[in-house]
Structures are given as structure tokens and as C-alpha cells.
Amino acid sequence: MKVVCVIPAYNEEHNILQVIRDVKPLVNEIVVVDDNSTDNTKNILRGEGVILLHHIINRGQGAALETGDKYAIDNGADIVIHFDADGQFNANDIKKLVEPIINDDYEIVLGSRMLGDRKAIPPIKRFFIFPLAHLANYVFWKARLTDPQCGLRAIKKDALTKIIIEQDKMAHTSEIIGKIFSNNLKYKEVPVNVIYKEFGQSFSGGFKILKDLVLAKFIN
């Protein structure tokens, strides 16, 4: 099966090369979507043997993932991995994501930090941001997952055609979870560990995500 890793990138010149070199042995192809970076991200990837796509304006991580997903499906991907460019994910976890799809016919496999080393998760995420995200996922879709916001996932091609990302910014993670449940996709969570080089999503950012989800509900 052709496994394609989609990596959205914005101003990641200090991390992206190592991420690419860690991921490359584990997949068949890497698609990097440069979301109009203002640093050297795009240039340092030339000659690295990756597919490089470029947004002419900064649209957000959700939009970058959707651009990469479309390219991957159009170019023969059987499984698509979503992987961040900041170096916080462990490339070796890709194996754990792919195996349940190949061996047990799952349609989507989600990484869960809560099934991994919880001590590595900043307390404000565990005790404030995660509960808020859990609540949003349950209110909107009756979804119960151990990790409500992990961006490390593997998706089978047929399932990916049912998960069109419409949230350009960070609300895409909750949107994907919603579409898993609304489409009754066969899913599984597996433990993953994350190295927090920076704090990541702020508490105010969580409310922005919630606002985007509420607006989307009214619009639809």
C-alpha cells in the first residue's frame, strides 16, 4: 500500500529538515504544504526528495492539510498520514498508526497522548484545554475520545474522501473527529508521545476553536 505523509509547514526552517529525514524511511512519499512561510522553510526543502506545495497566502493548518490530502488522493495514496512540522511528534509512531489499517481494516487511526506518557503533557493542557475540547466534541458530535485534539493520525483513502476539511485554522482537528462519527468510520486510538518544545495551543486559542465550530454549525 502506498503511504503518503502530509506535513503542513509554516515558518519551520529550524525543524522541518530533521522531521523530513526522520519520516522519509517510514513512508513512500512526503508532501509538504508550505503555508506561505516568511522564513526559509520552502527553500531548504529543495533537493530533499519531497513533494513541495505552496500556498500563495497564509490560510492555516487545516487548509494546508486539505491541500495535501487532495494531492495525495489524486496521486495514488492508499493511506495518508498527518504529521506536524515542528518536531514534536515521534516518527516511529507512524508504524503504530498504519498497522491497524493494514492488518485490521480500520479506516482511521488516531494518536492519543493520553494513552502515552501523560506526564509529558503540560498541566494546563491536561486540566483545562483538553476538558474544554472533550466537552465541545461531545456537545457537537457525541464523540468520546481519550485525546480530543491530537494532530497525528492515519487515514485510509476511502475514508479520507469523506473527511473534507472545511475549517482552515485549528478547528480542523475537532472537525475531523466530527466527521469520523457522523460517517460512522471504523476508528482506533493508539498511544503516542509528544515532545513539547513550545507550549502549543493556548487557552484563548481553545475558545477561538470553539467559536469557529459554533459558527460552522450555524452556517451549515
Protein backbone atom coordinates (compact mmCIF):
# COMPACT_ATOMS: atom_id res chain seq x y z
CA MET A 1 0.00 0.00 0.00
CA LYS A 2 1.21 3.50 -0.80
CA VAL A 3 1.63 5.51 2.40
CA VAL A 4 1.88 9.28 1.95
CA CYS A 5 2.75 11.67 4.77
CA VAL A 6 1.23 15.14 4.55
CA ILE A 7 3.10 17.79 6.54
CA PRO A 8 1.71 21.34 6.80
CA ALA A 9 4.50 23.83 7.44
CA TYR A 10 4.61 27.49 8.41
CA ASN A 11 7.92 29.10 9.38
CA GLU A 12 9.58 25.82 10.39
CA GLU A 13 13.06 26.34 8.93
CA HIS A 14 14.67 25.16 12.20
CA ASN A 15 12.73 21.89 12.45
CA ILE A 16 11.48 20.74 9.05
CA LEU A 17 14.65 19.11 7.71
CA GLN A 18 15.03 16.78 10.69
CA VAL A 19 11.33 15.93 10.53
CA ILE A 20 11.63 15.04 6.85
CA ARG A 21 14.69 12.86 7.43
CA ASP A 22 13.04 11.03 10.33
CA VAL A 23 9.80 10.38 8.44
CA LYS A 24 11.20 9.51 5.00
CA PRO A 25 12.26 5.88 5.76
CA LEU A 26 8.78 5.08 7.08
CA VAL A 27 6.58 6.21 4.17
CA ASN A 28 6.51 6.02 0.39
CA GLU A 29 6.16 9.75 -0.20
CA ILE A 30 6.17 13.02 1.73
CA VAL A 31 4.03 16.00 0.73
CA VAL A 32 4.96 19.26 2.43
CA VAL A 33 2.44 22.09 2.14
CA ASP A 34 4.21 25.40 2.78
CA ASP A 35 1.52 27.76 4.07
CA ASN A 36 3.21 30.90 2.70
CA SER A 37 6.09 30.86 5.19
CA THR A 38 8.02 34.09 5.63
CA ASP A 39 11.26 32.33 6.58
CA ASN A 40 13.44 29.88 4.61
CA THR A 41 11.16 26.84 5.02
CA LYS A 42 10.36 26.47 1.34
CA ASN A 43 13.93 26.90 0.06
CA ILE A 44 15.66 24.48 2.39
CA LEU A 45 13.37 21.66 1.23
CA ARG A 46 14.58 21.77 -2.34
CA GLY A 47 16.60 18.68 -3.17
CA GLU A 48 15.21 16.72 -0.22
CA GLY A 49 13.10 14.41 -2.38
CA VAL A 50 9.71 15.63 -1.16
CA ILE A 51 6.68 16.95 -3.00
CA LEU A 52 6.51 20.65 -2.14
CA LEU A 53 3.21 22.50 -2.50
CA HIS A 54 2.85 26.20 -1.73
CA HIS A 55 0.00 28.47 -0.64
CA ILE A 56 0.30 31.99 -2.03
CA ILE A 57 -1.32 33.35 1.15
CA ASN A 58 -1.26 32.06 4.71
CA ARG A 59 -4.50 30.10 5.13
CA GLY A 60 -3.97 27.98 8.24
CA GLN A 61 -3.09 24.41 9.16
CA GLY A 62 -6.48 22.95 8.27
CA ALA A 63 -6.30 24.40 4.76
CA ALA A 64 -2.75 23.13 4.32
CA LEU A 65 -3.81 19.62 5.31
CA GLU A 66 -6.71 19.68 2.87
CA THR A 67 -4.36 20.78 0.05
CA GLY A 68 -2.03 17.90 0.89
CA ASP A 69 -4.87 15.39 1.22
CA LYS A 70 -6.23 16.27 -2.22
CA TYR A 71 -2.79 15.88 -3.79
CA ALA A 72 -2.21 12.55 -2.04
CA ILE A 73 -5.55 11.07 -3.15
CA ASP A 74 -5.10 12.30 -6.72
CA ASN A 75 -1.66 10.69 -6.85
CA GLY A 76 -2.41 7.18 -5.68
CA ALA A 77 -2.18 7.27 -1.89
CA ASP A 78 -3.78 4.34 -0.07
CA ILE A 79 -3.07 5.70 3.42
CA VAL A 80 -2.42 9.33 4.35
CA ILE A 81 -0.53 10.32 7.50
CA HIS A 82 -0.99 13.77 9.06
CA PHE A 83 2.25 14.85 10.73
CA ASP A 84 3.34 18.20 12.19
CA ALA A 85 6.46 20.07 11.03
CA ASP A 86 7.60 21.31 14.44
CA GLY A 87 9.44 18.16 15.51
CA GLN A 88 7.18 17.38 18.45
CA PHE A 89 5.86 14.08 17.03
CA ASN A 90 7.88 10.85 17.07
CA ALA A 91 8.24 9.47 13.52
CA ASN A 92 8.40 5.90 14.86
CA ASP A 93 4.76 6.24 15.92
CA ILE A 94 3.83 6.14 12.22
CA LYS A 95 4.17 2.35 12.31
CA LYS A 96 1.59 2.11 15.11
CA LEU A 97 -0.82 4.25 13.10
CA VAL A 98 -0.53 2.32 9.85
CA GLU A 99 -0.62 -1.27 11.15
CA PRO A 100 -4.28 -1.32 12.32
CA ILE A 101 -5.38 -0.08 8.88
CA ILE A 102 -3.39 -2.72 7.03
CA ASN A 103 -3.95 -5.64 9.41
CA ASP A 104 -7.37 -4.97 10.96
CA ASP A 105 -9.15 -2.88 8.32
CA TYR A 106 -9.59 0.24 10.45
CA GLU A 107 -10.45 3.33 8.40
CA ILE A 108 -8.74 5.90 10.61
CA VAL A 109 -6.22 5.59 13.45
CA LEU A 110 -5.76 8.48 15.85
CA GLY A 111 -2.76 9.17 18.03
CA SER A 112 -3.58 9.63 21.71
CA ARG A 113 -1.27 11.45 24.08
CA MET A 114 -3.47 10.37 26.97
CA LEU A 115 -2.65 6.72 26.26
CA GLY A 116 1.06 7.58 26.17
CA ASP A 117 3.19 9.35 28.77
CA ARG A 118 0.74 11.77 30.39
CA LYS A 119 3.49 13.41 32.42
CA ALA A 120 4.89 14.90 29.22
CA ILE A 121 1.67 16.85 28.63
CA PRO A 122 1.69 20.38 30.13
CA PRO A 123 -0.76 20.57 33.07
CA ILE A 124 -2.78 23.41 31.54
CA LYS A 125 -3.48 21.18 28.53
CA ARG A 126 -4.46 18.17 30.62
CA PHE A 127 -6.63 20.01 33.12
CA PHE A 128 -8.05 22.95 31.15
CA ILE A 129 -7.68 22.74 27.35
CA PHE A 130 -8.38 19.01 26.99
CA PRO A 131 -11.59 19.13 29.09
CA LEU A 132 -12.85 22.06 27.01
CA ALA A 133 -12.13 20.14 23.81
CA HIS A 134 -13.73 16.98 25.23
CA LEU A 135 -16.86 18.97 26.02
CA ALA A 136 -17.02 20.51 22.54
CA ASN A 137 -16.57 17.14 20.83
CA TYR A 138 -19.34 15.60 22.93
CA VAL A 139 -21.78 18.51 22.56
CA PHE A 140 -21.38 18.69 18.79
CA TRP A 141 -20.97 15.01 17.85
CA LYS A 142 -21.42 12.85 20.99
CA ALA A 143 -17.78 11.90 20.43
CA ARG A 144 -15.80 10.36 23.27
CA LEU A 145 -12.06 10.00 22.71
CA THR A 146 -9.17 9.85 25.16
CA ASP A 147 -7.37 12.64 23.27
CA PRO A 148 -9.63 15.31 21.76
CA GLN A 149 -7.02 17.29 19.85
CA CYS A 150 -4.05 15.18 18.67
CA GLY A 151 -2.97 16.01 15.11
CA LEU A 152 -1.11 12.75 14.49
CA ARG A 153 -3.35 10.38 12.53
CA ALA A 154 -3.53 7.88 9.66
CA ILE A 155 -6.50 7.79 7.29
CA LYS A 156 -7.43 5.21 4.67
CA LYS A 157 -8.10 6.62 1.19
CA ASP A 158 -11.81 5.81 1.07
CA ALA A 159 -12.35 7.37 4.49
CA LEU A 160 -10.39 10.47 3.53
CA THR A 161 -12.83 11.21 0.71
CA LYS A 162 -15.50 11.58 3.45
CA ILE A 163 -13.35 13.93 5.53
CA ILE A 164 -13.17 17.15 3.55
CA ILE A 165 -11.56 19.75 5.83
CA GLU A 166 -13.54 22.98 5.76
CA GLN A 167 -12.04 24.59 8.86
CA ASP A 168 -8.93 26.38 7.60
CA LYS A 169 -7.49 27.12 11.05
CA MET A 170 -7.01 24.96 14.15
CA ALA A 171 -10.63 23.85 14.49
CA HIS A 172 -9.96 21.24 11.80
CA THR A 173 -8.98 18.64 14.43
CA SER A 174 -12.42 18.73 16.05
CA GLU A 175 -13.99 18.86 12.60
CA ILE A 176 -12.20 15.64 11.61
CA ILE A 177 -13.42 13.93 14.78
CA GLY A 178 -16.95 15.07 14.00
CA LYS A 179 -16.78 13.59 10.51
CA ILE A 180 -15.44 10.30 11.84
CA PHE A 181 -18.57 9.94 13.98
CA SER A 182 -21.08 11.38 11.50
CA ASN A 183 -19.82 8.97 8.81
CA ASN A 184 -19.59 6.01 11.21
CA LEU A 185 -15.98 5.38 10.27
CA LYS A 186 -14.17 2.50 11.94
CA TYR A 187 -11.54 4.14 14.14
CA LYS A 188 -8.98 3.28 16.76
CA GLU A 189 -6.75 5.27 19.14
CA VAL A 190 -3.13 4.25 19.73
CA PRO A 191 -0.66 5.67 22.28
CA VAL A 192 1.79 8.30 21.05
CA ASN A 193 4.27 10.52 22.85
CA VAL A 194 4.86 14.19 22.10
CA ILE A 195 7.89 16.31 22.95
CA TYR A 196 6.67 19.79 23.84
CA LYS A 197 9.35 22.15 22.57
CA GLU A 198 6.89 25.00 22.94
CA PHE A 199 3.58 25.23 24.78
CA GLY A 200 1.39 24.99 21.68
CA GLN A 201 -2.33 25.73 21.78
CA SER A 202 -3.22 28.46 24.31
CA PHE A 203 -6.38 28.57 26.40
CA SER A 204 -7.61 31.56 24.36
CA GLY A 205 -6.85 29.53 21.23
CA GLY A 206 -9.20 26.87 22.54
CA PHE A 207 -12.02 29.40 22.69
CA LYS A 208 -11.23 30.50 19.12
CA ILE A 209 -11.62 26.89 18.02
CA LEU A 210 -14.93 26.65 19.86
CA LYS A 211 -16.11 29.88 18.20
CA ASP A 212 -15.22 28.54 14.74
CA LEU A 213 -17.12 25.31 15.40
CA VAL A 214 -20.21 27.17 16.62
CA LEU A 215 -20.17 29.46 13.57
CA ALA A 216 -19.82 26.46 11.27
CA LYS A 217 -22.86 24.82 12.90
CA PHE A 218 -24.98 27.92 12.31
CA ILE A 219 -23.78 28.33 8.72
CA ASN A 220 -24.49 24.70 7.89
